[in-house]
Amino acid sequence: MVKHLENSADFTKEIEKGFILVDFYTEWCGPCKMLAPVLEEIDYIDVLKIDADKFMDLAQKFGIMSVPTLCFFKDGELKERVIGYKNADEIKELYQKISGN
């Protein structure tokens, strides 16, 4: 399921339980637009999309310098971070590496 962050105060609540894939993106980013349909197809991990222009506080907190940046969280802890477009197979491979599934 893909969800868009509505309020930066909700961020911690959104990532605190289970595996969550956070997609830092911007509306003007070409690779981000290419990644969006890939994320919509993922059914094995919840996806939280965060507009880095809108939520600059979170982008700064996580040192986001390039978009898209994908951050894999488990129970609120950042486990992996990758920059740039990734296809569905690459994302699944990263998830399996992190989760052990």
N, C-alpha and C. Protein backbone atom coordinates (compact mmCIF):
# COMPACT_ATOMS: atom_id res chain seq x y z
N MET A 1 0.83 -1.17 0.00
CA MET A 1 0.00 0.00 0.00
C MET A 1 0.89 1.25 0.00
N VAL A 2 0.56 2.20 -0.85
CA VAL A 2 1.29 3.46 -0.93
C VAL A 2 0.49 4.54 -0.22
N LYS A 3 1.18 5.25 0.66
CA LYS A 3 0.55 6.32 1.42
C LYS A 3 1.43 7.56 1.30
N HIS A 4 0.81 8.73 1.21
CA HIS A 4 1.54 9.99 1.17
C HIS A 4 1.52 10.61 2.56
N LEU A 5 2.68 11.05 3.02
CA LEU A 5 2.75 11.71 4.33
C LEU A 5 2.01 13.03 4.26
N GLU A 6 1.12 13.25 5.22
CA GLU A 6 0.31 14.47 5.27
C GLU A 6 0.88 15.50 6.23
N ASN A 7 1.60 15.02 7.25
CA ASN A 7 2.06 15.91 8.30
C ASN A 7 3.36 15.34 8.87
N SER A 8 4.40 16.14 8.96
CA SER A 8 5.69 15.62 9.43
C SER A 8 5.61 15.09 10.86
N ALA A 9 4.64 15.58 11.64
CA ALA A 9 4.46 15.08 13.01
C ALA A 9 4.03 13.61 13.01
N ASP A 10 3.45 13.13 11.92
CA ASP A 10 2.99 11.74 11.81
C ASP A 10 4.09 10.78 11.38
N PHE A 11 5.24 11.28 11.01
CA PHE A 11 6.29 10.44 10.44
C PHE A 11 6.68 9.28 11.37
N THR A 12 6.98 9.59 12.60
CA THR A 12 7.43 8.56 13.54
C THR A 12 6.36 7.48 13.70
N LYS A 13 5.11 7.88 13.80
CA LYS A 13 4.02 6.91 13.94
C LYS A 13 3.94 6.00 12.71
N GLU A 14 4.21 6.56 11.53
CA GLU A 14 4.10 5.79 10.29
C GLU A 14 5.18 4.73 10.15
N ILE A 15 6.36 4.96 10.73
CA ILE A 15 7.47 4.03 10.53
C ILE A 15 7.77 3.16 11.75
N GLU A 16 7.03 3.33 12.84
CA GLU A 16 7.42 2.69 14.09
C GLU A 16 7.22 1.18 14.15
N LYS A 17 6.35 0.61 13.31
CA LYS A 17 6.09 -0.83 13.39
C LYS A 17 6.24 -1.49 12.03
N GLY A 18 6.98 -2.59 12.00
CA GLY A 18 7.14 -3.38 10.79
C GLY A 18 8.12 -2.76 9.80
N PHE A 19 8.08 -3.30 8.59
CA PHE A 19 8.93 -2.80 7.51
C PHE A 19 8.18 -1.73 6.73
N ILE A 20 8.82 -0.60 6.53
CA ILE A 20 8.25 0.50 5.76
C ILE A 20 9.33 0.99 4.78
N LEU A 21 8.93 1.16 3.55
CA LEU A 21 9.81 1.75 2.53
C LEU A 21 9.41 3.21 2.38
N VAL A 22 10.33 4.11 2.68
CA VAL A 22 10.06 5.54 2.56
C VAL A 22 10.70 6.04 1.28
N ASP A 23 9.88 6.67 0.45
CA ASP A 23 10.34 7.23 -0.83
C ASP A 23 10.38 8.76 -0.70
N PHE A 24 11.58 9.32 -0.61
CA PHE A 24 11.74 10.77 -0.67
C PHE A 24 11.78 11.15 -2.15
N TYR A 25 10.87 11.99 -2.57
CA TYR A 25 10.72 12.36 -3.97
C TYR A 25 10.40 13.85 -4.08
N THR A 26 10.37 14.35 -5.32
CA THR A 26 9.84 15.68 -5.61
C THR A 26 8.96 15.57 -6.85
N GLU A 27 8.07 16.52 -6.98
CA GLU A 27 7.15 16.53 -8.12
C GLU A 27 7.87 16.76 -9.45
N TRP A 28 8.97 17.47 -9.44
CA TRP A 28 9.67 17.84 -10.68
C TRP A 28 10.72 16.81 -11.12
N CYS A 29 10.92 15.76 -10.35
CA CYS A 29 12.00 14.79 -10.60
C CYS A 29 11.57 13.71 -11.58
N GLY A 30 12.26 13.62 -12.72
CA GLY A 30 11.96 12.61 -13.74
C GLY A 30 12.07 11.18 -13.23
N PRO A 31 13.21 10.80 -12.62
CA PRO A 31 13.32 9.44 -12.09
C PRO A 31 12.27 9.12 -11.01
N CYS A 32 11.86 10.14 -10.25
CA CYS A 32 10.81 9.94 -9.24
C CYS A 32 9.50 9.57 -9.92
N LYS A 33 9.21 10.23 -11.03
CA LYS A 33 7.98 9.94 -11.78
C LYS A 33 8.02 8.53 -12.36
N MET A 34 9.21 8.09 -12.78
CA MET A 34 9.36 6.73 -13.30
C MET A 34 9.21 5.69 -12.19
N LEU A 35 9.63 6.04 -10.98
CA LEU A 35 9.58 5.13 -9.85
C LEU A 35 8.17 4.96 -9.29
N ALA A 36 7.33 5.98 -9.41
CA ALA A 36 6.00 5.97 -8.81
C ALA A 36 5.17 4.73 -9.18
N PRO A 37 5.05 4.37 -10.47
CA PRO A 37 4.25 3.18 -10.79
C PRO A 37 4.87 1.88 -10.27
N VAL A 38 6.19 1.84 -10.17
CA VAL A 38 6.87 0.66 -9.62
C VAL A 38 6.44 0.47 -8.16
N LEU A 39 6.43 1.57 -7.41
CA LEU A 39 6.06 1.50 -6.00
C LEU A 39 4.60 1.12 -5.81
N GLU A 40 3.75 1.54 -6.75
CA GLU A 40 2.32 1.20 -6.68
C GLU A 40 2.10 -0.30 -6.81
N GLU A 41 2.99 -1.00 -7.50
CA GLU A 41 2.85 -2.44 -7.73
C GLU A 41 3.35 -3.29 -6.56
N ILE A 42 4.13 -2.70 -5.68
CA ILE A 42 4.72 -3.46 -4.58
C ILE A 42 3.64 -3.82 -3.57
N ASP A 43 3.57 -5.12 -3.24
CA ASP A 43 2.54 -5.56 -2.30
C ASP A 43 3.12 -6.25 -1.06
N TYR A 44 4.43 -6.32 -0.94
CA TYR A 44 5.06 -7.04 0.17
C TYR A 44 5.60 -6.10 1.24
N ILE A 45 5.53 -4.79 1.01
CA ILE A 45 6.00 -3.81 1.99
C ILE A 45 5.17 -2.54 1.80
N ASP A 46 4.84 -1.88 2.91
CA ASP A 46 4.13 -0.61 2.83
C ASP A 46 5.09 0.49 2.39
N VAL A 47 4.58 1.40 1.60
CA VAL A 47 5.39 2.50 1.06
C VAL A 47 4.84 3.82 1.58
N LEU A 48 5.72 4.65 2.10
CA LEU A 48 5.36 5.99 2.54
C LEU A 48 6.11 6.98 1.66
N LYS A 49 5.36 7.78 0.91
CA LYS A 49 5.97 8.76 0.01
C LYS A 49 6.04 10.11 0.73
N ILE A 50 7.23 10.72 0.66
CA ILE A 50 7.46 12.01 1.31
C ILE A 50 8.02 12.97 0.28
N ASP A 51 7.29 14.05 0.04
CA ASP A 51 7.74 15.10 -0.88
C ASP A 51 8.85 15.89 -0.18
N ALA A 52 10.08 15.76 -0.67
CA ALA A 52 11.23 16.39 -0.04
C ALA A 52 11.16 17.91 -0.08
N ASP A 53 10.44 18.48 -1.06
CA ASP A 53 10.27 19.93 -1.10
C ASP A 53 9.27 20.40 -0.05
N LYS A 54 8.26 19.60 0.19
CA LYS A 54 7.21 19.96 1.15
C LYS A 54 7.65 19.70 2.59
N PHE A 55 8.39 18.62 2.79
CA PHE A 55 8.84 18.24 4.13
C PHE A 55 10.37 18.37 4.23
N MET A 56 10.84 19.59 4.10
CA MET A 56 12.29 19.84 4.13
C MET A 56 12.90 19.45 5.47
N ASP A 57 12.13 19.52 6.56
CA ASP A 57 12.64 19.14 7.87
C ASP A 57 13.05 17.67 7.88
N LEU A 58 12.22 16.81 7.31
CA LEU A 58 12.54 15.38 7.26
C LEU A 58 13.66 15.10 6.26
N ALA A 59 13.64 15.80 5.13
CA ALA A 59 14.72 15.62 4.15
C ALA A 59 16.06 16.00 4.77
N GLN A 60 16.07 17.07 5.52
CA GLN A 60 17.31 17.50 6.18
C GLN A 60 17.72 16.51 7.26
N LYS A 61 16.76 16.05 8.05
CA LYS A 61 17.03 15.10 9.13
C LYS A 61 17.72 13.84 8.61
N PHE A 62 17.30 13.38 7.42
CA PHE A 62 17.85 12.16 6.86
C PHE A 62 18.92 12.42 5.80
N GLY A 63 19.35 13.68 5.67
CA GLY A 63 20.45 14.02 4.76
C GLY A 63 20.13 13.74 3.31
N ILE A 64 18.90 14.00 2.91
CA ILE A 64 18.49 13.73 1.52
C ILE A 64 19.08 14.82 0.63
N MET A 65 20.00 14.41 -0.24
CA MET A 65 20.65 15.34 -1.16
C MET A 65 20.21 15.12 -2.60
N SER A 66 19.71 13.92 -2.88
CA SER A 66 19.27 13.55 -4.23
C SER A 66 17.95 12.80 -4.11
N VAL A 67 17.14 12.96 -5.13
CA VAL A 67 15.88 12.21 -5.19
C VAL A 67 15.83 11.45 -6.51
N PRO A 68 15.17 10.31 -6.52
CA PRO A 68 14.55 9.66 -5.38
C PRO A 68 15.59 9.03 -4.45
N THR A 69 15.27 9.03 -3.17
CA THR A 69 16.03 8.28 -2.17
C THR A 69 15.05 7.35 -1.48
N LEU A 70 15.38 6.07 -1.47
CA LEU A 70 14.55 5.06 -0.82
C LEU A 70 15.20 4.66 0.49
N CYS A 71 14.43 4.74 1.58
CA CYS A 71 14.92 4.38 2.90
C CYS A 71 14.05 3.23 3.43
N PHE A 72 14.71 2.16 3.81
CA PHE A 72 14.01 1.01 4.37
C PHE A 72 14.10 1.08 5.89
N PHE A 73 12.95 1.11 6.54
CA PHE A 73 12.88 1.15 8.00
C PHE A 73 12.29 -0.16 8.52
N LYS A 74 12.82 -0.61 9.66
CA LYS A 74 12.22 -1.74 10.38
C LYS A 74 12.01 -1.28 11.82
N ASP A 75 10.76 -1.29 12.24
CA ASP A 75 10.39 -0.89 13.60
C ASP A 75 11.01 0.45 13.98
N GLY A 76 10.97 1.40 13.05
CA GLY A 76 11.43 2.75 13.31
C GLY A 76 12.91 2.99 13.10
N GLU A 77 13.66 1.96 12.81
CA GLU A 77 15.11 2.09 12.63
C GLU A 77 15.47 2.01 11.15
N LEU A 78 16.28 2.97 10.69
CA LEU A 78 16.73 2.97 9.31
C LEU A 78 17.70 1.81 9.09
N LYS A 79 17.36 0.95 8.15
CA LYS A 79 18.18 -0.24 7.87
C LYS A 79 19.00 -0.12 6.60
N GLU A 80 18.48 0.58 5.61
CA GLU A 80 19.16 0.69 4.31
C GLU A 80 18.67 1.94 3.61
N ARG A 81 19.55 2.52 2.80
CA ARG A 81 19.20 3.71 2.04
C ARG A 81 19.87 3.62 0.68
N VAL A 82 19.08 3.84 -0.37
CA VAL A 82 19.61 3.81 -1.73
C VAL A 82 19.10 5.04 -2.47
N ILE A 83 19.94 5.51 -3.37
CA ILE A 83 19.62 6.72 -4.13
C ILE A 83 19.42 6.37 -5.59
N GLY A 84 18.41 6.99 -6.21
CA GLY A 84 18.18 6.82 -7.63
C GLY A 84 17.08 5.82 -7.93
N TYR A 85 16.71 5.78 -9.19
CA TYR A 85 15.66 4.88 -9.67
C TYR A 85 16.07 3.43 -9.46
N LYS A 86 15.17 2.64 -8.96
CA LYS A 86 15.36 1.19 -8.84
C LYS A 86 14.12 0.52 -9.44
N ASN A 87 14.35 -0.57 -10.17
CA ASN A 87 13.20 -1.29 -10.72
C ASN A 87 12.63 -2.23 -9.65
N ALA A 88 11.53 -2.87 -9.95
CA ALA A 88 10.83 -3.72 -8.99
C ALA A 88 11.72 -4.84 -8.47
N ASP A 89 12.50 -5.45 -9.35
CA ASP A 89 13.37 -6.55 -8.93
C ASP A 89 14.46 -6.07 -7.97
N GLU A 90 15.03 -4.92 -8.26
CA GLU A 90 16.07 -4.37 -7.38
C GLU A 90 15.51 -4.03 -6.00
N ILE A 91 14.31 -3.48 -5.96
CA ILE A 91 13.68 -3.14 -4.69
C ILE A 91 13.39 -4.42 -3.90
N LYS A 92 12.86 -5.43 -4.57
CA LYS A 92 12.56 -6.69 -3.90
C LYS A 92 13.83 -7.34 -3.36
N GLU A 93 14.90 -7.28 -4.13
CA GLU A 93 16.18 -7.85 -3.69
C GLU A 93 16.69 -7.14 -2.44
N LEU A 94 16.58 -5.81 -2.42
CA LEU A 94 16.99 -5.04 -1.24
C LEU A 94 16.13 -5.41 -0.03
N TYR A 95 14.84 -5.49 -0.23
CA TYR A 95 13.93 -5.86 0.86
C TYR A 95 14.27 -7.24 1.41
N GLN A 96 14.50 -8.20 0.52
CA GLN A 96 14.81 -9.55 0.97
C GLN A 96 16.13 -9.58 1.74
N LYS A 97 17.10 -8.80 1.30
CA LYS A 97 18.39 -8.73 2.00
C LYS A 97 18.22 -8.18 3.42
N ILE A 98 17.41 -7.15 3.54
CA ILE A 98 17.21 -6.49 4.83
C ILE A 98 16.33 -7.33 5.76
N SER A 99 15.27 -7.89 5.22
CA SER A 99 14.28 -8.59 6.04
C SER A 99 14.64 -10.06 6.30
N GLY A 100 15.50 -10.60 5.46
CA GLY A 100 15.84 -12.01 5.58
C GLY A 100 14.79 -12.92 4.97
N ASN A 101 13.82 -12.33 4.26
CA ASN A 101 12.76 -13.13 3.60
C ASN A 101 13.14 -13.51 2.19
